[in-house]
C-alpha atoms as a PDB file:
ATOM      1  CA  MET A   1     118.361 -24.323  67.405  1.00  0.00           C
ATOM      2  CA  ILE A   2     118.709 -23.020  63.847  1.00  0.00           C
ATOM      3  CA  THR A   3     116.006 -24.040  61.434  1.00  0.00           C
ATOM      4  CA  THR A   4     116.652 -24.219  57.707  1.00  0.00           C
ATOM      5  CA  ASP A   5     113.097 -25.153  56.762  1.00  0.00           C
ATOM      6  CA  TRP A   6     110.840 -22.671  55.043  1.00  0.00           C
ATOM      7  CA  ILE A   7     107.519 -22.021  56.781  1.00  0.00           C
ATOM      8  CA  SER A   8     104.242 -21.037  55.125  1.00  0.00           C
ATOM      9  CA  ILE A   9     103.811 -17.260  54.926  1.00  0.00           C
ATOM     10  CA  THR A  10     100.414 -17.595  56.600  1.00  0.00           C
ATOM     11  CA  LEU A  11     102.263 -18.402  59.846  1.00  0.00           C
ATOM     12  CA  ALA A  12     104.735 -15.508  59.599  1.00  0.00           C
ATOM     13  CA  PRO A  13     105.008 -12.935  62.403  1.00  0.00           C
ATOM     14  CA  LYS A  14     103.906  -9.472  61.350  1.00  0.00           C
ATOM     15  CA  ASP A  15     105.812  -7.518  63.980  1.00  0.00           C
ATOM     16  CA  THR A  16     109.425  -8.108  62.923  1.00  0.00           C
ATOM     17  CA  ARG A  17     111.720  -8.347  59.909  1.00  0.00           C
ATOM     18  CA  ILE A  18     112.122 -11.866  58.548  1.00  0.00           C
ATOM     19  CA  LEU A  19     113.628 -13.686  55.589  1.00  0.00           C
ATOM     20  CA  LEU A  20     110.954 -13.921  52.887  1.00  0.00           C
ATOM     21  CA  GLY A  21     110.893 -16.666  50.260  1.00  0.00           C
ATOM     22  CA  PHE A  22     109.247 -16.255  46.863  1.00  0.00           C
ATOM     23  CA  SER A  23     108.046 -18.809  44.311  1.00  0.00           C
ATOM     24  CA  ARG A  24     109.064 -16.350  41.547  1.00  0.00           C
ATOM     25  CA  PRO A  25     112.245 -14.234  41.694  1.00  0.00           C
ATOM     26  CA  VAL A  26     111.753 -10.755  43.112  1.00  0.00           C
ATOM     27  CA  PHE A  27     114.472  -9.035  41.089  1.00  0.00           C
ATOM     28  CA  ASN A  28     117.368 -10.345  38.962  1.00  0.00           C
ATOM     29  CA  GLY A  29     116.916 -13.947  40.094  1.00  0.00           C
ATOM     30  CA  ILE A  30     116.679 -13.147  43.819  1.00  0.00           C
ATOM     31  CA  SER A  31     114.092 -15.411  45.431  1.00  0.00           C
ATOM     32  CA  ALA A  32     114.842 -14.817  49.140  1.00  0.00           C
ATOM     33  CA  ILE A  33     115.166 -11.399  50.738  1.00  0.00           C
ATOM     34  CA  PHE A  34     114.614  -9.707  54.089  1.00  0.00           C
ATOM     35  CA  GLY A  35     111.352  -7.881  54.535  1.00  0.00           C
ATOM     36  CA  GLN A  36     108.443  -7.088  56.834  1.00  0.00           C
ATOM     37  CA  TRP A  37     104.666  -6.744  56.944  1.00  0.00           C
ATOM     38  CA  ASN A  38     103.442  -3.335  55.790  1.00  0.00           C
ATOM     39  CA  ASP A  39      99.994  -2.564  57.169  1.00  0.00           C
ATOM     40  CA  ASP A  40      99.713   0.377  54.731  1.00  0.00           C
ATOM     41  CA  ARG A  41      97.913   2.376  57.439  1.00  0.00           C
ATOM     42  CA  TYR A  42      98.846   5.815  56.107  1.00  0.00           C
ATOM     43  CA  THR A  43      96.839   5.539  52.894  1.00  0.00           C
ATOM     44  CA  LYS A  44      93.162   6.348  52.347  1.00  0.00           C
ATOM     45  CA  LYS A  45      92.333   2.751  51.435  1.00  0.00           C
ATOM     46  CA  PRO A  46      94.863   0.519  53.225  1.00  0.00           C
ATOM     47  CA  LYS A  47      95.883  -2.647  51.394  1.00  0.00           C
ATOM     48  CA  PRO A  48      98.341  -4.453  53.691  1.00  0.00           C
ATOM     49  CA  TYR A  49     101.131  -6.442  52.013  1.00  0.00           C
ATOM     50  CA  TRP A  50     104.588  -7.942  52.531  1.00  0.00           C
ATOM     51  CA  SER A  51     107.269  -5.389  51.731  1.00  0.00           C
ATOM     52  CA  HIS A  52     110.953  -6.202  51.178  1.00  0.00           C
ATOM     53  CA  ASP A  53     114.347  -4.539  50.879  1.00  0.00           C
ATOM     54  CA  LEU A  54     114.228  -4.275  47.081  1.00  0.00           C
ATOM     55  CA  GLU A  55     110.821  -2.614  46.900  1.00  0.00           C
ATOM     56  CA  ASN A  56     112.403   0.730  46.046  1.00  0.00           C
ATOM     57  CA  ILE A  57     113.968  -0.925  42.971  1.00  0.00           C
ATOM     58  CA  SER A  58     111.195  -3.250  41.857  1.00  0.00           C
ATOM     59  CA  GLY A  59     108.403  -0.815  42.756  1.00  0.00           C
ATOM     60  CA  SER A  60     105.382  -1.180  45.022  1.00  0.00           C
ATOM     61  CA  VAL A  61     103.089  -2.416  42.208  1.00  0.00           C
ATOM     62  CA  ARG A  62     105.447  -5.282  41.388  1.00  0.00           C
ATOM     63  CA  THR A  63     106.063  -5.949  45.085  1.00  0.00           C
ATOM     64  CA  ARG A  64     102.312  -6.235  45.763  1.00  0.00           C
ATOM     65  CA  ALA A  65     101.877  -8.515  42.728  1.00  0.00           C
ATOM     66  CA  ASN A  66     104.692 -10.889  43.749  1.00  0.00           C
ATOM     67  CA  GLN A  67     104.075 -11.698  47.404  1.00  0.00           C
ATOM     68  CA  PRO A  68     106.167 -14.213  49.354  1.00  0.00           C
ATOM     69  CA  THR A  69     104.966 -17.782  49.767  1.00  0.00           C
ATOM     70  CA  HIS A  70     107.264 -18.768  52.650  1.00  0.00           C
ATOM     71  CA  TRP A  71     109.405 -17.293  55.390  1.00  0.00           C
ATOM     72  CA  MET A  72     112.298 -18.245  57.653  1.00  0.00           C
ATOM     73  CA  PRO A  73     113.353 -16.834  61.038  1.00  0.00           C
ATOM     74  CA  ASN A  74     116.374 -14.549  61.098  1.00  0.00           C
ATOM     75  CA  PRO A  75     119.666 -16.296  61.795  1.00  0.00           C
ATOM     76  CA  PRO A  76     121.081 -15.874  65.307  1.00  0.00           C
ATOM     77  CA  ALA A  77     123.594 -13.133  66.063  1.00  0.00           C
ATOM     78  CA  PRO A  78     127.282 -14.026  65.721  1.00  0.00           C
ATOM     79  CA  ASN A  79     128.923 -15.815  68.625  1.00  0.00           C
ATOM     80  CA  THR A  80     129.477 -13.236  71.375  1.00  0.00           C
ATOM     81  CA  ALA A  81     132.837 -14.774  72.319  1.00  0.00           C
ATOM     82  CA  CYS A  82     133.988 -14.117  68.768  1.00  0.00           C
ATOM     83  CA  SER A  83     132.750 -10.522  68.968  1.00  0.00           C
ATOM     84  CA  GLU A  84     134.537 -10.000  72.288  1.00  0.00           C
ATOM     85  CA  ASP A  85     137.757 -11.424  70.841  1.00  0.00           C
ATOM     86  CA  MET A  86     137.485  -9.005  67.924  1.00  0.00           C
ATOM     87  CA  GLY A  87     136.907  -6.111  70.336  1.00  0.00           C
ATOM     88  CA  ALA A  88     139.981  -7.114  72.342  1.00  0.00           C
ATOM     89  CA  ARG A  89     141.992  -7.391  69.131  1.00  0.00           C
ATOM     90  CA  VAL A  90     140.911  -3.922  67.989  1.00  0.00           C
ATOM     91  CA  SER A  91     141.853  -2.473  71.388  1.00  0.00           C
ATOM     92  CA  ARG A  92     145.256  -4.153  71.248  1.00  0.00           C
ATOM     93  CA  VAL A  93     145.914  -2.808  67.733  1.00  0.00           C
ATOM     94  CA  ARG A  94     144.863   0.711  68.746  1.00  0.00           C
ATOM     95  CA  ARG A  95     147.054   0.548  71.840  1.00  0.00           C
ATOM     96  CA  SER A  96     150.098  -0.632  69.868  1.00  0.00           C
ATOM     97  CA  GLU A  97     149.512   2.107  67.259  1.00  0.00           C
ATOM     98  CA  MET A  98     149.405   4.761  70.000  1.00  0.00           C
ATOM     99  CA  GLU A  99     152.604   3.354  71.531  1.00  0.00           C
ATOM    100  CA  ARG A 100     154.298   3.434  68.108  1.00  0.00           C
ATOM    101  CA  LYS A 101     153.292   7.081  67.605  1.00  0.00           C
ATOM    102  CA  GLU A 102     154.671   7.971  71.045  1.00  0.00           C
ATOM    103  CA  ARG A 103     158.015   6.295  70.223  1.00  0.00           C
ATOM    104  CA  VAL A 104     158.230   8.145  66.911  1.00  0.00           C
ATOM    105  CA  GLU A 105     157.437  11.494  68.544  1.00  0.00           C
ATOM    106  CA  LYS A 106     160.222  10.927  71.103  1.00  0.00           C
ATOM    107  CA  THR A 107     162.824  10.255  68.402  1.00  0.00           C
ATOM    108  CA  GLU A 108     161.726  12.942  65.966  1.00  0.00           C
ATOM    109  CA  SER A 109     162.426  16.630  66.206  1.00  0.00           C
ATOM    110  CA  VAL A 110     161.618  19.704  64.141  1.00  0.00           C
ATOM    111  CA  CYS A 111     164.046  19.985  61.250  1.00  0.00           C
ATOM    112  CA  GLY A 112     165.841  23.318  60.931  1.00  0.00           C
ATOM    113  CA  TYR A 113     165.871  22.996  57.150  1.00  0.00           C
ATOM    114  CA  CYS A 114     162.258  22.130  56.283  1.00  0.00           C
ATOM    115  CA  GLN A 115     160.460  22.813  59.599  1.00  0.00           C
ATOM    116  CA  HIS A 116     158.845  19.332  59.571  1.00  0.00           C
ATOM    117  CA  ARG A 117     159.140  16.572  62.138  1.00  0.00           C
ATOM    118  CA  HIS A 118     161.342  13.667  61.150  1.00  0.00           C
ATOM    119  CA  SER A 119     164.166  11.514  62.396  1.00  0.00           C
ATOM    120  CA  PRO A 120     167.486  13.282  62.976  1.00  0.00           C
ATOM    121  CA  THR A 121     169.156  10.648  60.781  1.00  0.00           C
ATOM    122  CA  GLN A 122     167.043  11.571  57.763  1.00  0.00           C
ATOM    123  CA  ASP A 123     168.973  13.796  55.393  1.00  0.00           C
ATOM    124  CA  HIS A 124     167.649  16.184  52.780  1.00  0.00           C
ATOM    125  CA  TYR A 125     168.851  15.916  49.239  1.00  0.00           C
ATOM    126  CA  LEU A 126     170.278  19.303  48.497  1.00  0.00           C
ATOM    127  CA  GLY A 127     171.748  18.262  45.080  1.00  0.00           C
END
């Protein structure tokens, strides 16, 4: 089941990336962005906070000042049948491309004039 309801940030999991919702835009009007809990454990005085994908643009001071108010679970992965169909399609295209190259190589030969491979029916303009 896919939920489209925002959930209070106080109930957010702190062990995975999630979609964060903000009451004020984070950057250039963006008010929802993927992020994760940062426990800030590698500093002398840890101050845990919610980090997000635009922190390197907006800066950590601004990120800490504008914390999310809500969150939403990540959407499910694409339909696996669709992914398998795409994989089969890619394989078919690759196979047909290899077959085409083999046909071309059988009909082409090294030209005595230019020393390149091309069809024997291709003429050089010697004008």
